[in-house]
Amino acid sequence: MKLNRRNFLQTTTTATSALMLSSLKTFATPQSISNMNNNFQLKILATNWGFNGTIDEYCAKVKKEGYDGIEIWWQTEKKDQDEVFAALKKYNLEVGFLTAGHESDFKQHFQTFTNMIDAAANNTVQKPLYINCHSGRDYFTFEQGKAFIEHTTALHKSTGIKICHETHRSRLMYAAPVARHYLENVPELRFTLDISHWCNVHETLLEDQKETVDLVLSRVDHVHARIGHQEGPQVNDPRAPEWDDAVKAHFAWWDKIVEMKKQQGDMLTVLTEFGPPNYLPTIPYTQQPLADQWAINVYMMQTLRKRYA
């Protein structure tokens, strides 16, 4: 049978759409859990990374899309804090705070970090659902890194706020075996799982580190739902069928976390965190993004809610 150009394009488009729809249907199917505790809660938050409007415009859009809240850096200036808290109240949104230090010197870095996280945890306006930590640097010693965890453990005990250390490149938990070493020596450690970073660091979908990954999954309280691959921390568009293996691997990890949380009757917070250019790949010369960042994150939110809520 001969195909003219028009028929060829129609056939190709139909086949590709079928693959995409099949993937969407798979991950939008509710997860089946035995021994579920009805106290389980799922909170899905939006990132302001790449959003160029005001905090009020951002929160209005977040609310319209159906998110539960936002994750945002703790603001060090009172004026900025007031704007964030006003928008959260206006749109009835919950919040998770990001905290970090950025200096290369350990003492300066640690001071910046502790000042920031102490202020975020002890603010009297709105208690966050959690605090996510970009903790330390990958070249800090184990003893230096341990100081971050000891400080956040004490802060959690005094405030009751979940405080999680992110599995992030360039930070303390930049690689799977490093995170395992910390966990085996500081058992109070809790994680924000952004496993897309580890796929990039180890140039695998971590098939050869299952025991380590499973150990970390058991200590996760917060998830950054971005899908990475062997050569990068973010696929260009998770809806595209060529990323099927990476998408399946990430959902398999998230499924395990949700299953544990549902059986424990615990709350799980998830941030949809596909980023803007240059995290999002672009067309050469024009720097035009290959996909719509906001639309991808909304797609992820809707899929995660259908699967896990």
C-alpha atoms as a PDB file:
ATOM      1  CA  MET A   1       0.000   0.000   0.000  1.00  0.00           C
ATOM      2  CA  LYS A   2       1.332   3.428  -0.937  1.00  0.00           C
ATOM      3  CA  LEU A   3       1.081   6.356   1.455  1.00  0.00           C
ATOM      4  CA  ASN A   4       1.139   9.923   0.299  1.00  0.00           C
ATOM      5  CA  ARG A   5       2.714  12.549   2.547  1.00  0.00           C
ATOM      6  CA  ARG A   6      -0.594  13.583   4.094  1.00  0.00           C
ATOM      7  CA  ASN A   7      -1.603  10.028   4.953  1.00  0.00           C
ATOM      8  CA  PHE A   8       1.869   9.305   6.320  1.00  0.00           C
ATOM      9  CA  LEU A   9       1.706  12.291   8.669  1.00  0.00           C
ATOM     10  CA  GLN A  10      -1.806  11.376   9.798  1.00  0.00           C
ATOM     11  CA  THR A  11      -0.763   7.772  10.457  1.00  0.00           C
ATOM     12  CA  THR A  12       2.374   8.814  12.342  1.00  0.00           C
ATOM     13  CA  THR A  13       0.485  11.355  14.434  1.00  0.00           C
ATOM     14  CA  THR A  14      -2.220   8.833  15.307  1.00  0.00           C
ATOM     15  CA  ALA A  15       0.331   6.230  16.365  1.00  0.00           C
ATOM     16  CA  THR A  16       2.245   8.706  18.504  1.00  0.00           C
ATOM     17  CA  SER A  17      -0.956   9.975  20.118  1.00  0.00           C
ATOM     18  CA  ALA A  18      -1.974   6.410  20.919  1.00  0.00           C
ATOM     19  CA  LEU A  19       1.332   5.819  22.689  1.00  0.00           C
ATOM     20  CA  MET A  20       0.932   9.030  24.678  1.00  0.00           C
ATOM     21  CA  LEU A  21      -2.653   8.251  25.627  1.00  0.00           C
ATOM     22  CA  SER A  22      -1.662   4.746  26.701  1.00  0.00           C
ATOM     23  CA  SER A  23       1.009   6.188  29.008  1.00  0.00           C
ATOM     24  CA  LEU A  24      -1.379   8.796  30.394  1.00  0.00           C
ATOM     25  CA  LYS A  25      -4.026   6.174  31.125  1.00  0.00           C
ATOM     26  CA  THR A  26      -1.479   3.960  32.874  1.00  0.00           C
ATOM     27  CA  PHE A  27      -0.270   6.568  35.344  1.00  0.00           C
ATOM     28  CA  ALA A  28      -3.650   8.221  35.859  1.00  0.00           C
ATOM     29  CA  THR A  29      -5.014   4.926  37.196  1.00  0.00           C
ATOM     30  CA  PRO A  30      -5.568   4.894  40.984  1.00  0.00           C
ATOM     31  CA  GLN A  31      -2.961   2.983  42.945  1.00  0.00           C
ATOM     32  CA  SER A  32      -4.212  -0.135  44.702  1.00  0.00           C
ATOM     33  CA  ILE A  33      -3.006  -0.326  48.324  1.00  0.00           C
ATOM     34  CA  SER A  34      -3.617  -3.002  50.949  1.00  0.00           C
ATOM     35  CA  ASN A  35      -3.930  -2.151  54.653  1.00  0.00           C
ATOM     36  CA  MET A  36      -4.546   1.517  53.869  1.00  0.00           C
ATOM     37  CA  ASN A  37      -4.843   3.898  56.817  1.00  0.00           C
ATOM     38  CA  ASN A  38      -7.522   6.518  56.198  1.00  0.00           C
ATOM     39  CA  ASN A  39      -5.415   9.219  57.850  1.00  0.00           C
ATOM     40  CA  PHE A  40      -3.228   9.429  54.739  1.00  0.00           C
ATOM     41  CA  GLN A  41      -3.113  12.861  53.103  1.00  0.00           C
ATOM     42  CA  LEU A  42      -1.623  13.956  49.800  1.00  0.00           C
ATOM     43  CA  LYS A  43      -0.699  17.622  49.335  1.00  0.00           C
ATOM     44  CA  ILE A  44       0.537  18.735  45.898  1.00  0.00           C
ATOM     45  CA  LEU A  45       2.347  22.046  45.614  1.00  0.00           C
ATOM     46  CA  ALA A  46       3.472  24.292  42.776  1.00  0.00           C
ATOM     47  CA  THR A  47       6.893  25.796  42.192  1.00  0.00           C
ATOM     48  CA  ASN A  48       7.457  29.479  41.414  1.00  0.00           C
ATOM     49  CA  TRP A  49      10.701  28.568  39.622  1.00  0.00           C
ATOM     50  CA  GLY A  50      10.414  30.197  36.207  1.00  0.00           C
ATOM     51  CA  PHE A  51       7.296  32.239  37.033  1.00  0.00           C
ATOM     52  CA  ASN A  52       7.892  35.879  36.154  1.00  0.00           C
ATOM     53  CA  GLY A  53       4.824  37.551  37.660  1.00  0.00           C
ATOM     54  CA  THR A  54       4.098  38.852  41.150  1.00  0.00           C
ATOM     55  CA  ILE A  55       3.551  36.609  44.154  1.00  0.00           C
ATOM     56  CA  ASP A  56      -0.169  37.469  44.020  1.00  0.00           C
ATOM     57  CA  GLU A  57      -0.400  36.522  40.327  1.00  0.00           C
ATOM     58  CA  TYR A  58       1.479  33.305  41.024  1.00  0.00           C
ATOM     59  CA  CYS A  59      -0.765  32.264  43.907  1.00  0.00           C
ATOM     60  CA  ALA A  60      -3.898  33.125  41.928  1.00  0.00           C
ATOM     61  CA  LYS A  61      -2.760  30.865  39.091  1.00  0.00           C
ATOM     62  CA  VAL A  62      -1.766  28.083  41.499  1.00  0.00           C
ATOM     63  CA  LYS A  63      -5.195  28.181  43.131  1.00  0.00           C
ATOM     64  CA  LYS A  64      -6.987  28.184  39.769  1.00  0.00           C
ATOM     65  CA  GLU A  65      -5.114  25.055  38.656  1.00  0.00           C
ATOM     66  CA  GLY A  66      -6.156  23.145  41.781  1.00  0.00           C
ATOM     67  CA  TYR A  67      -2.905  22.887  43.720  1.00  0.00           C
ATOM     68  CA  ASP A  68      -2.950  22.674  47.519  1.00  0.00           C
ATOM     69  CA  GLY A  69      -0.156  25.181  48.007  1.00  0.00           C
ATOM     70  CA  ILE A  70       3.259  26.443  47.010  1.00  0.00           C
ATOM     71  CA  GLU A  71       6.908  25.731  47.727  1.00  0.00           C
ATOM     72  CA  ILE A  72       8.974  28.909  47.906  1.00  0.00           C
ATOM     73  CA  TRP A  73      12.277  30.123  49.299  1.00  0.00           C
ATOM     74  CA  TRP A  74      12.031  31.594  52.776  1.00  0.00           C
ATOM     75  CA  GLN A  75      12.224  35.340  52.294  1.00  0.00           C
ATOM     76  CA  THR A  76      14.797  37.092  54.469  1.00  0.00           C
ATOM     77  CA  GLU A  77      13.233  40.578  54.164  1.00  0.00           C
ATOM     78  CA  LYS A  78      10.082  41.323  56.168  1.00  0.00           C
ATOM     79  CA  LYS A  79       8.446  43.158  53.264  1.00  0.00           C
ATOM     80  CA  ASP A  80       8.791  40.059  51.090  1.00  0.00           C
ATOM     81  CA  GLN A  81       7.605  37.810  53.906  1.00  0.00           C
ATOM     82  CA  ASP A  82       4.487  39.960  54.332  1.00  0.00           C
ATOM     83  CA  GLU A  83       3.704  39.701  50.599  1.00  0.00           C
ATOM     84  CA  VAL A  84       4.014  35.910  50.669  1.00  0.00           C
ATOM     85  CA  PHE A  85       1.855  35.511  53.769  1.00  0.00           C
ATOM     86  CA  ALA A  86      -0.799  37.887  52.398  1.00  0.00           C
ATOM     87  CA  ALA A  87      -1.050  35.926  49.147  1.00  0.00           C
ATOM     88  CA  LEU A  88      -1.212  32.600  50.979  1.00  0.00           C
ATOM     89  CA  LYS A  89      -4.079  33.890  53.123  1.00  0.00           C
ATOM     90  CA  LYS A  90      -5.912  35.504  50.196  1.00  0.00           C
ATOM     91  CA  TYR A  91      -5.935  32.305  48.142  1.00  0.00           C
ATOM     92  CA  ASN A  92      -6.143  29.865  51.058  1.00  0.00           C
ATOM     93  CA  LEU A  93      -2.944  28.047  50.121  1.00  0.00           C
ATOM     94  CA  GLU A  94      -0.519  26.022  52.220  1.00  0.00           C
ATOM     95  CA  VAL A  95       3.236  26.388  52.009  1.00  0.00           C
ATOM     96  CA  GLY A  96       6.546  24.572  52.185  1.00  0.00           C
ATOM     97  CA  PHE A  97       9.725  26.591  52.588  1.00  0.00           C
ATOM     98  CA  LEU A  98      13.106  26.143  50.932  1.00  0.00           C
ATOM     99  CA  THR A  99      16.245  26.992  52.890  1.00  0.00           C
ATOM    100  CA  ALA A 100      19.960  26.884  52.073  1.00  0.00           C
ATOM    101  CA  GLY A 101      23.403  28.348  52.433  1.00  0.00           C
ATOM    102  CA  HIS A 102      25.547  29.231  49.436  1.00  0.00           C
ATOM    103  CA  GLU A 103      28.999  30.112  50.735  1.00  0.00           C
ATOM    104  CA  SER A 104      31.972  27.848  50.023  1.00  0.00           C
ATOM    105  CA  ASP A 105      33.331  28.308  53.554  1.00  0.00           C
ATOM    106  CA  PHE A 106      31.664  25.860  55.944  1.00  0.00           C
ATOM    107  CA  LYS A 107      31.300  28.203  58.930  1.00  0.00           C
ATOM    108  CA  GLN A 108      29.768  31.014  56.888  1.00  0.00           C
ATOM    109  CA  HIS A 109      27.550  28.567  54.999  1.00  0.00           C
ATOM    110  CA  PHE A 110      26.330  26.881  58.175  1.00  0.00           C
ATOM    111  CA  GLN A 111      25.550  30.235  59.794  1.00  0.00           C
ATOM    112  CA  THR A 112      23.523  31.375  56.784  1.00  0.00           C
ATOM    113  CA  PHE A 113      21.675  28.065  56.689  1.00  0.00           C
ATOM    114  CA  THR A 114      20.808  27.977  60.395  1.00  0.00           C
ATOM    115  CA  ASN A 115      19.703  31.621  60.426  1.00  0.00           C
ATOM    116  CA  MET A 116      17.411  30.983  57.475  1.00  0.00           C
ATOM    117  CA  ILE A 117      15.852  27.724  58.628  1.00  0.00           C
ATOM    118  CA  ASP A 118      15.395  28.904  62.225  1.00  0.00           C
ATOM    119  CA  ALA A 119      13.492  31.955  60.989  1.00  0.00           C
ATOM    120  CA  ALA A 120      11.329  29.870  58.660  1.00  0.00           C
ATOM    121  CA  ALA A 121      10.489  27.304  61.331  1.00  0.00           C
ATOM    122  CA  ASN A 122       9.771  29.793  64.091  1.00  0.00           C
ATOM    123  CA  ASN A 123       7.730  32.345  62.144  1.00  0.00           C
ATOM    124  CA  THR A 124       4.467  33.097  63.929  1.00  0.00           C
ATOM    125  CA  VAL A 125       2.285  33.779  60.867  1.00  0.00           C
ATOM    126  CA  GLN A 126       1.935  30.435  59.091  1.00  0.00           C
ATOM    127  CA  LYS A 127       3.356  27.062  60.016  1.00  0.00           C
ATOM    128  CA  PRO A 128       4.758  25.357  56.909  1.00  0.00           C
ATOM    129  CA  LEU A 129       3.818  21.831  55.910  1.00  0.00           C
ATOM    130  CA  TYR A 130       7.555  21.095  55.766  1.00  0.00           C
ATOM    131  CA  ILE A 131      10.931  22.728  55.218  1.00  0.00           C
ATOM    132  CA  ASN A 132      13.088  21.470  52.371  1.00  0.00           C
ATOM    133  CA  CYS A 133      16.843  21.881  52.808  1.00  0.00           C
ATOM    134  CA  HIS A 134      19.461  22.455  50.144  1.00  0.00           C
ATOM    135  CA  SER A 135      21.990  21.328  52.711  1.00  0.00           C
ATOM    136  CA  GLY A 136      25.696  22.053  52.562  1.00  0.00           C
ATOM    137  CA  ARG A 137      27.964  21.371  49.617  1.00  0.00           C
ATOM    138  CA  ASP A 138      29.146  18.111  48.108  1.00  0.00           C
ATOM    139  CA  TYR A 139      32.758  18.788  49.168  1.00  0.00           C
ATOM    140  CA  PHE A 140      31.996  19.335  52.863  1.00  0.00           C
ATOM    141  CA  THR A 141      33.338  16.612  55.148  1.00  0.00           C
ATOM    142  CA  PHE A 142      31.044  14.063  56.742  1.00  0.00           C
ATOM    143  CA  GLU A 143      31.418  15.727  60.151  1.00  0.00           C
ATOM    144  CA  GLN A 144      30.527  19.103  58.654  1.00  0.00           C
ATOM    145  CA  GLY A 145      27.519  17.596  56.892  1.00  0.00           C
ATOM    146  CA  LYS A 146      26.436  15.873  60.078  1.00  0.00           C
ATOM    147  CA  ALA A 147      26.131  19.274  61.768  1.00  0.00           C
ATOM    148  CA  PHE A 148      23.322  20.236  59.367  1.00  0.00           C
ATOM    149  CA  ILE A 149      21.348  17.095  60.169  1.00  0.00           C
ATOM    150  CA  GLU A 150      21.824  17.449  63.914  1.00  0.00           C
ATOM    151  CA  HIS A 151      20.583  21.044  63.773  1.00  0.00           C
ATOM    152  CA  THR A 152      17.488  20.190  61.722  1.00  0.00           C
ATOM    153  CA  THR A 153      16.697  17.172  63.897  1.00  0.00           C
ATOM    154  CA  ALA A 154      16.671  19.372  66.989  1.00  0.00           C
ATOM    155  CA  LEU A 155      14.589  21.993  65.180  1.00  0.00           C
ATOM    156  CA  HIS A 156      12.055  19.357  64.120  1.00  0.00           C
ATOM    157  CA  LYS A 157      11.731  18.142  67.700  1.00  0.00           C
ATOM    158  CA  SER A 158      11.157  21.672  69.026  1.00  0.00           C
ATOM    159  CA  THR A 159       8.641  22.739  66.336  1.00  0.00           C
ATOM    160  CA  GLY A 160       7.026  19.529  65.052  1.00  0.00           C
ATOM    161  CA  ILE A 161       7.728  20.599  61.450  1.00  0.00           C
ATOM    162  CA  LYS A 162       8.955  17.991  59.001  1.00  0.00           C
ATOM    163  CA  ILE A 163      12.444  18.983  57.827  1.00  0.00           C
ATOM    164  CA  CYS A 164      13.901  17.144  54.854  1.00  0.00           C
ATOM    165  CA  HIS A 165      17.298  17.142  53.146  1.00  0.00           C
ATOM    166  CA  GLU A 166      17.077  17.074  49.368  1.00  0.00           C
ATOM    167  CA  THR A 167      18.842  14.557  47.163  1.00  0.00           C
ATOM    168  CA  HIS A 168      20.317  17.304  45.042  1.00  0.00           C
ATOM    169  CA  ARG A 169      23.449  17.642  42.933  1.00  0.00           C
ATOM    170  CA  SER A 170      26.184  19.805  44.525  1.00  0.00           C
ATOM    171  CA  ARG A 171      24.601  19.398  47.996  1.00  0.00           C
ATOM    172  CA  LEU A 172      25.309  16.923  50.811  1.00  0.00           C
ATOM    173  CA  MET A 173      23.022  14.214  49.389  1.00  0.00           C
ATOM    174  CA  TYR A 174      24.333  14.488  45.829  1.00  0.00           C
ATOM    175  CA  ALA A 175      24.756  10.729  45.273  1.00  0.00           C
ATOM    176  CA  ALA A 176      22.997   7.567  46.410  1.00  0.00           C
ATOM    177  CA  PRO A 177      25.907   5.927  48.310  1.00  0.00           C
ATOM    178  CA  VAL A 178      26.707   9.238  50.032  1.00  0.00           C
ATOM    179  CA  ALA A 179      23.107   9.561  51.234  1.00  0.00           C
ATOM    180  CA  ARG A 180      23.204   5.971  52.444  1.00  0.00           C
ATOM    181  CA  HIS A 181      26.386   6.653  54.441  1.00  0.00           C
ATOM    182  CA  TYR A 182      24.743   9.622  56.154  1.00  0.00           C
ATOM    183  CA  LEU A 183      21.592   7.623  56.859  1.00  0.00           C
ATOM    184  CA  GLU A 184      23.473   4.688  58.347  1.00  0.00           C
ATOM    185  CA  ASN A 185      25.334   7.029  60.686  1.00  0.00           C
ATOM    186  CA  VAL A 186      22.567   9.553  61.431  1.00  0.00           C
ATOM    187  CA  PRO A 187      19.314   7.536  61.496  1.00  0.00           C
ATOM    188  CA  GLU A 188      17.143  10.612  62.217  1.00  0.00           C
ATOM    189  CA  LEU A 189      17.832  11.896  58.690  1.00  0.00           C
ATOM    190  CA  ARG A 190      14.739  12.504  56.546  1.00  0.00           C
ATOM    191  CA  PHE A 191      14.758  13.110  52.806  1.00  0.00           C
ATOM    192  CA  THR A 192      13.213  15.161  50.079  1.00  0.00           C
ATOM    193  CA  LEU A 193      13.475  12.759  47.172  1.00  0.00           C
ATOM    194  CA  ASP A 194      14.430  14.394  43.905  1.00  0.00           C
ATOM    195  CA  ILE A 195      15.779  11.224  42.388  1.00  0.00           C
ATOM    196  CA  SER A 196      16.115  12.832  38.959  1.00  0.00           C
ATOM    197  CA  HIS A 197      19.464  14.185  40.196  1.00  0.00           C
ATOM    198  CA  TRP A 198      20.770  10.714  41.009  1.00  0.00           C
ATOM    199  CA  CYS A 199      19.778   9.380  37.586  1.00  0.00           C
ATOM    200  CA  ASN A 200      22.016  12.090  36.143  1.00  0.00           C
ATOM    201  CA  VAL A 201      24.866  11.662  38.655  1.00  0.00           C
ATOM    202  CA  HIS A 202      25.051   7.879  38.242  1.00  0.00           C
ATOM    203  CA  GLU A 203      24.112   7.859  34.526  1.00  0.00           C
ATOM    204  CA  THR A 204      21.604   5.072  35.162  1.00  0.00           C
ATOM    205  CA  LEU A 205      18.015   4.578  36.256  1.00  0.00           C
ATOM    206  CA  LEU A 206      19.648   3.167  39.404  1.00  0.00           C
ATOM    207  CA  GLU A 207      18.939  -0.466  38.556  1.00  0.00           C
ATOM    208  CA  ASP A 208      22.268  -1.412  40.159  1.00  0.00           C
ATOM    209  CA  GLN A 209      21.589   0.387  43.454  1.00  0.00           C
ATOM    210  CA  LYS A 210      18.176  -0.992  44.386  1.00  0.00           C
ATOM    211  CA  GLU A 211      19.077  -1.762  48.016  1.00  0.00           C
ATOM    212  CA  THR A 212      20.363   1.759  48.622  1.00  0.00           C
ATOM    213  CA  VAL A 213      17.417   3.388  46.873  1.00  0.00           C
ATOM    214  CA  ASP A 214      14.892   1.290  48.816  1.00  0.00           C
ATOM    215  CA  LEU A 215      16.553   2.281  52.099  1.00  0.00           C
ATOM    216  CA  VAL A 216      16.292   5.973  51.194  1.00  0.00           C
ATOM    217  CA  LEU A 217      12.673   5.597  50.024  1.00  0.00           C
ATOM    218  CA  SER A 218      11.739   4.412  53.523  1.00  0.00           C
ATOM    219  CA  ARG A 219      12.895   7.763  54.951  1.00  0.00           C
ATOM    220  CA  VAL A 220      11.217  10.128  52.484  1.00  0.00           C
ATOM    221  CA  ASP A 221       8.674  12.738  53.647  1.00  0.00           C
ATOM    222  CA  HIS A 222       8.605  15.028  50.602  1.00  0.00           C
ATOM    223  CA  VAL A 223       8.970  14.415  46.853  1.00  0.00           C
ATOM    224  CA  HIS A 224      10.088  16.647  44.020  1.00  0.00           C
ATOM    225  CA  ALA A 225       8.221  15.127  41.096  1.00  0.00           C
ATOM    226  CA  ARG A 226      10.559  15.820  38.230  1.00  0.00           C
ATOM    227  CA  ILE A 227      11.609  13.063  35.849  1.00  0.00           C
ATOM    228  CA  GLY A 228      15.272  12.786  34.989  1.00  0.00           C
ATOM    229  CA  HIS A 229      17.230  10.416  32.794  1.00  0.00           C
ATOM    230  CA  GLN A 230      20.694   8.972  32.472  1.00  0.00           C
ATOM    231  CA  GLU A 231      22.170  12.108  30.909  1.00  0.00           C
ATOM    232  CA  GLY A 232      20.186  14.881  32.538  1.00  0.00           C
ATOM    233  CA  PRO A 233      18.002  15.897  35.501  1.00  0.00           C
ATOM    234  CA  GLN A 234      14.938  16.668  33.369  1.00  0.00           C
ATOM    235  CA  VAL A 235      13.364  15.074  30.314  1.00  0.00           C
ATOM    236  CA  ASN A 236      12.124  17.608  27.787  1.00  0.00           C
ATOM    237  CA  ASP A 237       8.490  16.488  28.140  1.00  0.00           C
ATOM    238  CA  PRO A 238       7.358  13.496  30.255  1.00  0.00           C
ATOM    239  CA  ARG A 239       4.310  13.064  28.021  1.00  0.00           C
ATOM    240  CA  ALA A 240       6.501  12.090  25.063  1.00  0.00           C
ATOM    241  CA  PRO A 241       6.628   8.308  24.490  1.00  0.00           C
ATOM    242  CA  GLU A 242      10.406   8.187  24.078  1.00  0.00           C
ATOM    243  CA  TRP A 243      10.782   8.784  27.835  1.00  0.00           C
ATOM    244  CA  ASP A 244       8.621   5.836  28.808  1.00  0.00           C
ATOM    245  CA  ASP A 245      11.398   3.943  30.650  1.00  0.00           C
ATOM    246  CA  ALA A 246      12.351   6.981  32.740  1.00  0.00           C
ATOM    247  CA  VAL A 247       8.718   7.792  33.530  1.00  0.00           C
ATOM    248  CA  LYS A 248       8.029   4.201  34.608  1.00  0.00           C
ATOM    249  CA  ALA A 249      11.124   4.140  36.816  1.00  0.00           C
ATOM    250  CA  HIS A 250      10.153   7.347  38.634  1.00  0.00           C
ATOM    251  CA  PHE A 251       6.548   6.276  39.171  1.00  0.00           C
ATOM    252  CA  ALA A 252       7.776   2.940  40.538  1.00  0.00           C
ATOM    253  CA  TRP A 253       9.828   4.819  43.159  1.00  0.00           C
ATOM    254  CA  TRP A 254       6.970   7.172  43.985  1.00  0.00           C
ATOM    255  CA  ASP A 255       4.535   4.247  44.194  1.00  0.00           C
ATOM    256  CA  LYS A 256       6.649   2.692  46.954  1.00  0.00           C
ATOM    257  CA  ILE A 257       6.726   5.913  48.948  1.00  0.00           C
ATOM    258  CA  VAL A 258       2.974   6.439  48.637  1.00  0.00           C
ATOM    259  CA  GLU A 259       2.273   2.834  49.610  1.00  0.00           C
ATOM    260  CA  MET A 260       4.281   3.265  52.817  1.00  0.00           C
ATOM    261  CA  LYS A 261       2.626   6.588  53.627  1.00  0.00           C
ATOM    262  CA  LYS A 262      -0.840   5.165  53.011  1.00  0.00           C
ATOM    263  CA  GLN A 263      -0.157   2.206  55.273  1.00  0.00           C
ATOM    264  CA  GLN A 264       1.300   4.488  57.970  1.00  0.00           C
ATOM    265  CA  GLY A 265      -1.549   7.013  57.691  1.00  0.00           C
ATOM    266  CA  ASP A 266       0.996   9.774  57.170  1.00  0.00           C
ATOM    267  CA  MET A 267       0.923  12.895  55.011  1.00  0.00           C
ATOM    268  CA  LEU A 268       2.989  13.067  51.830  1.00  0.00           C
ATOM    269  CA  THR A 269       3.802  16.381  50.190  1.00  0.00           C
ATOM    270  CA  VAL A 270       4.764  16.510  46.513  1.00  0.00           C
ATOM    271  CA  LEU A 271       6.132  19.408  44.485  1.00  0.00           C
ATOM    272  CA  THR A 272       5.755  19.368  40.705  1.00  0.00           C
ATOM    273  CA  GLU A 273       9.170  20.758  39.813  1.00  0.00           C
ATOM    274  CA  PHE A 274       9.842  20.713  36.101  1.00  0.00           C
ATOM    275  CA  GLY A 275      12.007  23.771  35.634  1.00  0.00           C
ATOM    276  CA  PRO A 276      12.365  26.542  33.042  1.00  0.00           C
ATOM    277  CA  PRO A 277      15.215  26.931  30.522  1.00  0.00           C
ATOM    278  CA  ASN A 278      17.973  25.880  30.757  1.00  0.00           C
ATOM    279  CA  TYR A 279      16.686  22.980  32.838  1.00  0.00           C
ATOM    280  CA  LEU A 280      14.062  22.705  30.139  1.00  0.00           C
ATOM    281  CA  PRO A 281      15.963  22.044  26.880  1.00  0.00           C
ATOM    282  CA  THR A 282      15.742  24.718  24.212  1.00  0.00           C
ATOM    283  CA  ILE A 283      16.110  25.111  20.456  1.00  0.00           C
ATOM    284  CA  PRO A 284      19.645  26.188  19.477  1.00  0.00           C
ATOM    285  CA  TYR A 285      20.191  29.879  18.728  1.00  0.00           C
ATOM    286  CA  THR A 286      16.625  30.942  19.589  1.00  0.00           C
ATOM    287  CA  GLN A 287      16.605  29.582  23.152  1.00  0.00           C
ATOM    288  CA  GLN A 288      12.925  28.760  22.700  1.00  0.00           C
ATOM    289  CA  PRO A 289      11.837  26.007  25.134  1.00  0.00           C
ATOM    290  CA  LEU A 290      10.902  22.659  23.641  1.00  0.00           C
ATOM    291  CA  ALA A 291       7.777  22.409  25.819  1.00  0.00           C
ATOM    292  CA  ASP A 292       5.547  24.465  28.127  1.00  0.00           C
ATOM    293  CA  GLN A 293       6.932  24.283  31.664  1.00  0.00           C
ATOM    294  CA  TRP A 294       3.715  25.317  33.406  1.00  0.00           C
ATOM    295  CA  ALA A 295       1.605  22.875  31.375  1.00  0.00           C
ATOM    296  CA  ILE A 296       3.973  20.002  32.179  1.00  0.00           C
ATOM    297  CA  ASN A 297       3.779  20.713  35.907  1.00  0.00           C
ATOM    298  CA  VAL A 298      -0.027  20.908  35.807  1.00  0.00           C
ATOM    299  CA  TYR A 299      -0.092  17.615  33.890  1.00  0.00           C
ATOM    300  CA  MET A 300       2.084  16.051  36.575  1.00  0.00           C
ATOM    301  CA  MET A 301      -0.147  17.423  39.352  1.00  0.00           C
ATOM    302  CA  GLN A 302      -3.296  16.042  37.739  1.00  0.00           C
ATOM    303  CA  THR A 303      -1.715  12.649  37.069  1.00  0.00           C
ATOM    304  CA  LEU A 304      -0.296  12.337  40.589  1.00  0.00           C
ATOM    305  CA  ARG A 305      -3.639  13.275  42.124  1.00  0.00           C
ATOM    306  CA  LYS A 306      -5.527  10.710  40.043  1.00  0.00           C
ATOM    307  CA  ARG A 307      -3.001   8.008  40.887  1.00  0.00           C
ATOM    308  CA  TYR A 308      -2.460   8.660  44.581  1.00  0.00           C
ATOM    309  CA  ALA A 309      -5.300  10.697  46.107  1.00  0.00           C
END
